[in-house]
Amino acid sequence: MPYKTRKVRNKNCYKVYNQKTKRVFAKCTTKSKAKRQERLLRAIKYNKSFRQQFQRGGHYTRKKHK
C-alpha cells in the first residue's frame, strides 16, 4: 500500500502521505479522518468503477451508522 498515516510529533493529529513520492494529502487531521482519506485514495487508485463514477461527478458516500 503506497499510502501511510503517521502521528504528528507533539500534536494530537495525523498526517496522510504517499510512501513512495512523500506527497502529503493531509497535514494535521484526526485519526478517523486520516483513515477515511486513505480509503478514498485507495478507491481512486485501485477501484476502476469508483474512479469512473468519481470523474463523472457522481456521489459515492458511506452509510452513516446510528
Protein backbone atom coordinates (compact mmCIF):
# COMPACT_ATOMS: atom_id res chain seq x y z
CA MET A 1 0.00 0.00 0.00
CA PRO A 2 1.56 3.29 -1.03
CA TYR A 3 -0.43 5.45 1.42
CA LYS A 4 0.52 5.70 5.08
CA THR A 5 -0.64 7.51 8.19
CA ARG A 6 1.77 8.90 10.77
CA LYS A 7 1.18 10.73 14.01
CA VAL A 8 2.47 14.31 14.02
CA ARG A 9 5.05 14.85 16.73
CA ASN A 10 3.93 16.86 19.79
CA LYS A 11 0.40 17.20 18.43
CA ASN A 12 -2.79 15.19 18.65
CA CYS A 13 -3.20 14.77 14.90
CA TYR A 14 -2.15 12.58 11.96
CA LYS A 15 -0.58 13.02 8.53
CA VAL A 16 -1.52 11.05 5.39
CA TYR A 17 1.15 10.72 2.72
CA ASN A 18 2.31 8.65 -0.24
CA GLN A 19 5.13 6.41 0.90
CA LYS A 20 6.93 6.39 -2.45
CA THR A 21 6.67 10.05 -3.51
CA LYS A 22 6.32 11.57 0.01
CA ARG A 23 3.41 13.71 -1.23
CA VAL A 24 1.25 14.82 1.70
CA PHE A 25 -2.54 14.58 1.38
CA ALA A 26 -3.50 15.58 4.94
CA LYS A 27 -1.21 17.54 7.26
CA CYS A 28 -3.00 17.56 10.60
CA THR A 29 -6.23 15.63 10.91
CA THR A 30 -7.94 13.26 13.32
CA LYS A 31 -7.21 9.55 13.19
CA SER A 32 -10.67 8.67 11.88
CA LYS A 33 -10.49 11.28 9.11
CA ALA A 34 -6.99 10.08 8.19
CA LYS A 35 -8.32 6.53 7.75
CA ARG A 36 -11.15 7.86 5.58
CA GLN A 37 -8.64 9.77 3.45
CA GLU A 38 -6.58 6.60 2.94
CA ARG A 39 -9.68 4.65 1.89
CA LEU A 40 -10.63 7.37 -0.59
CA LEU A 41 -7.15 7.48 -2.12
CA ARG A 42 -7.06 3.69 -2.47
CA ALA A 43 -10.52 3.68 -4.08
CA ILE A 44 -9.48 6.32 -6.61
CA LYS A 45 -6.29 4.43 -7.44
CA TYR A 46 -7.43 0.79 -7.46
CA ASN A 47 -11.22 0.66 -7.91
CA LYS A 48 -11.99 1.19 -11.58
CA SER A 49 -15.76 1.64 -11.23
CA PHE A 50 -15.35 4.11 -8.36
CA ARG A 51 -12.79 6.11 -10.34
CA GLN A 52 -15.12 6.37 -13.34
CA GLN A 53 -18.04 7.46 -11.16
CA PHE A 54 -15.80 9.92 -9.33
CA GLN A 55 -14.61 11.51 -12.59
CA ARG A 56 -18.20 11.93 -13.83
CA GLY A 57 -19.12 13.85 -10.70
CA GLY A 58 -21.31 11.14 -9.16
CA HIS A 59 -21.75 10.72 -5.46
CA TYR A 60 -20.33 7.76 -3.63
CA THR A 61 -20.91 8.07 0.09
CA ARG A 62 -20.69 5.74 3.02
CA LYS A 63 -23.80 4.93 5.02
CA LYS A 64 -23.99 6.64 8.38
CA HIS A 65 -24.39 4.28 11.30
CA LYS A 66 -26.54 5.39 14.16
